[in-house]
């Protein structure tokens, strides 16, 4: 379920990637185009269980970690994209 698991400076990052097609990147409104709104309660709960399972399975005790959301806005006509990171989402 988790798209990316990374480690940097003794901290683990669990990253979910969401994409959204838009007509043009010039007019992207981050207030109305919010793919993170699709992160419903049950999805967050499932992701939390996945993170906990990963930490237990890999014997990662008290190592700090965070959950981030990477949102990719894609202009398919121009074949360009813009990325926004929503950091440290509470699960």
C-alpha atoms as a PDB file:
ATOM      1  CA  UNK A   1       0.000   0.000   0.000  1.00  0.00           C
ATOM      2  CA  UNK A   2       2.838   2.449   0.693  1.00  0.00           C
ATOM      3  CA  UNK A   3       4.488   3.691  -2.497  1.00  0.00           C
ATOM      4  CA  UNK A   4       7.909   4.718  -1.178  1.00  0.00           C
ATOM      5  CA  UNK A   5       9.878   3.813   1.941  1.00  0.00           C
ATOM      6  CA  UNK A   6      13.087   5.748   2.396  1.00  0.00           C
ATOM      7  CA  UNK A   7      15.629   6.386   5.116  1.00  0.00           C
ATOM      8  CA  UNK A   8      17.661   9.519   5.691  1.00  0.00           C
ATOM      9  CA  UNK A   9      19.726  10.476   8.731  1.00  0.00           C
ATOM     10  CA  UNK A  10      18.322   7.662  10.914  1.00  0.00           C
ATOM     11  CA  UNK A  11      14.714   8.592  10.107  1.00  0.00           C
ATOM     12  CA  UNK A  12      12.281   6.550   8.028  1.00  0.00           C
ATOM     13  CA  UNK A  13       9.927   8.179   5.539  1.00  0.00           C
ATOM     14  CA  UNK A  14       6.772   6.419   4.394  1.00  0.00           C
ATOM     15  CA  UNK A  15       5.425   8.167   1.315  1.00  0.00           C
ATOM     16  CA  UNK A  16       2.088   7.812  -0.458  1.00  0.00           C
ATOM     17  CA  UNK A  17       1.959   9.194  -4.020  1.00  0.00           C
ATOM     18  CA  UNK A  18      -1.254  10.665  -5.450  1.00  0.00           C
ATOM     19  CA  UNK A  19      -1.621  12.128  -8.939  1.00  0.00           C
ATOM     20  CA  UNK A  20      -4.132  14.447 -10.507  1.00  0.00           C
ATOM     21  CA  UNK A  21      -4.549  15.496 -14.130  1.00  0.00           C
ATOM     22  CA  UNK A  22      -5.134  19.208 -14.648  1.00  0.00           C
ATOM     23  CA  UNK A  23      -5.841  21.331 -17.720  1.00  0.00           C
ATOM     24  CA  UNK A  24      -2.881  23.584 -17.073  1.00  0.00           C
ATOM     25  CA  UNK A  25      -0.302  23.867 -14.319  1.00  0.00           C
ATOM     26  CA  UNK A  26      -0.540  27.658 -14.464  1.00  0.00           C
ATOM     27  CA  UNK A  27      -4.000  27.599 -12.916  1.00  0.00           C
ATOM     28  CA  UNK A  28      -3.581  24.896 -10.273  1.00  0.00           C
ATOM     29  CA  UNK A  29      -5.303  25.962  -7.102  1.00  0.00           C
ATOM     30  CA  UNK A  30      -4.006  24.034  -4.112  1.00  0.00           C
ATOM     31  CA  UNK A  31      -7.166  24.908  -2.223  1.00  0.00           C
ATOM     32  CA  UNK A  32      -9.529  23.239  -4.709  1.00  0.00           C
ATOM     33  CA  UNK A  33      -7.237  20.568  -6.211  1.00  0.00           C
ATOM     34  CA  UNK A  34      -6.441  18.539  -3.126  1.00  0.00           C
ATOM     35  CA  UNK A  35      -5.889  14.842  -3.846  1.00  0.00           C
ATOM     36  CA  UNK A  36      -5.003  14.464  -0.161  1.00  0.00           C
ATOM     37  CA  UNK A  37      -8.723  14.895   0.557  1.00  0.00           C
ATOM     38  CA  UNK A  38      -9.092  11.368  -0.832  1.00  0.00           C
ATOM     39  CA  UNK A  39      -7.065  10.074   2.104  1.00  0.00           C
ATOM     40  CA  UNK A  40     -10.114   8.836   3.977  1.00  0.00           C
ATOM     41  CA  UNK A  41     -10.147   7.619   7.570  1.00  0.00           C
ATOM     42  CA  UNK A  42     -10.043   3.920   6.619  1.00  0.00           C
ATOM     43  CA  UNK A  43      -7.177   4.462   4.152  1.00  0.00           C
ATOM     44  CA  UNK A  44      -5.162   6.271   6.848  1.00  0.00           C
ATOM     45  CA  UNK A  45      -5.936   3.487   9.309  1.00  0.00           C
ATOM     46  CA  UNK A  46      -4.776   0.847   6.807  1.00  0.00           C
ATOM     47  CA  UNK A  47      -1.592   2.819   6.073  1.00  0.00           C
ATOM     48  CA  UNK A  48      -0.911   3.132   9.794  1.00  0.00           C
ATOM     49  CA  UNK A  49      -1.154  -0.660  10.181  1.00  0.00           C
ATOM     50  CA  UNK A  50       1.175  -1.102   7.202  1.00  0.00           C
ATOM     51  CA  UNK A  51       3.770   1.229   8.740  1.00  0.00           C
ATOM     52  CA  UNK A  52       3.562  -0.527  12.101  1.00  0.00           C
ATOM     53  CA  UNK A  53       3.898  -3.943  10.445  1.00  0.00           C
ATOM     54  CA  UNK A  54       6.955  -2.769   8.495  1.00  0.00           C
ATOM     55  CA  UNK A  55       8.600  -1.392  11.651  1.00  0.00           C
ATOM     56  CA  UNK A  56       7.945  -4.588  13.624  1.00  0.00           C
ATOM     57  CA  UNK A  57       8.913  -6.955  10.794  1.00  0.00           C
ATOM     58  CA  UNK A  58      12.211  -5.118  10.218  1.00  0.00           C
ATOM     59  CA  UNK A  59      12.921  -4.777  13.957  1.00  0.00           C
ATOM     60  CA  UNK A  60      13.017  -1.001  13.778  1.00  0.00           C
ATOM     61  CA  UNK A  61      12.450  -0.081  17.406  1.00  0.00           C
ATOM     62  CA  UNK A  62      12.409   3.537  18.457  1.00  0.00           C
ATOM     63  CA  UNK A  63      13.691   4.917  15.178  1.00  0.00           C
ATOM     64  CA  UNK A  64      11.883   8.146  14.257  1.00  0.00           C
ATOM     65  CA  UNK A  65       9.610   8.047  11.236  1.00  0.00           C
ATOM     66  CA  UNK A  66       7.070  10.166   9.430  1.00  0.00           C
ATOM     67  CA  UNK A  67       4.356   9.722   6.843  1.00  0.00           C
ATOM     68  CA  UNK A  68       4.304  12.086   3.853  1.00  0.00           C
ATOM     69  CA  UNK A  69       2.065  12.536   0.857  1.00  0.00           C
ATOM     70  CA  UNK A  70       3.556  13.385  -2.520  1.00  0.00           C
ATOM     71  CA  UNK A  71       1.006  14.998  -4.850  1.00  0.00           C
ATOM     72  CA  UNK A  72       1.801  15.091  -8.564  1.00  0.00           C
ATOM     73  CA  UNK A  73      -0.226  17.498 -10.739  1.00  0.00           C
ATOM     74  CA  UNK A  74       0.083  16.484 -14.392  1.00  0.00           C
ATOM     75  CA  UNK A  75      -0.620  18.531 -17.505  1.00  0.00           C
ATOM     76  CA  UNK A  76      -0.940  15.662 -19.962  1.00  0.00           C
ATOM     77  CA  UNK A  77      -1.252  17.891 -23.037  1.00  0.00           C
ATOM     78  CA  UNK A  78       2.086  19.636 -22.372  1.00  0.00           C
ATOM     79  CA  UNK A  79       3.641  16.555 -20.755  1.00  0.00           C
ATOM     80  CA  UNK A  80       4.707  18.520 -17.694  1.00  0.00           C
ATOM     81  CA  UNK A  81       4.112  18.063 -13.987  1.00  0.00           C
ATOM     82  CA  UNK A  82       4.362  19.868 -10.678  1.00  0.00           C
ATOM     83  CA  UNK A  83       5.003  18.122  -7.363  1.00  0.00           C
ATOM     84  CA  UNK A  84       3.851  19.176  -3.904  1.00  0.00           C
ATOM     85  CA  UNK A  85       4.791  17.439  -0.663  1.00  0.00           C
ATOM     86  CA  UNK A  86       2.476  17.319   2.338  1.00  0.00           C
ATOM     87  CA  UNK A  87       4.789  16.406   5.201  1.00  0.00           C
ATOM     88  CA  UNK A  88       4.331  14.595   8.468  1.00  0.00           C
ATOM     89  CA  UNK A  89       0.690  13.514   8.211  1.00  0.00           C
ATOM     90  CA  UNK A  90      -0.628  12.114  11.464  1.00  0.00           C
ATOM     91  CA  UNK A  91      -1.853   8.547  11.087  1.00  0.00           C
END
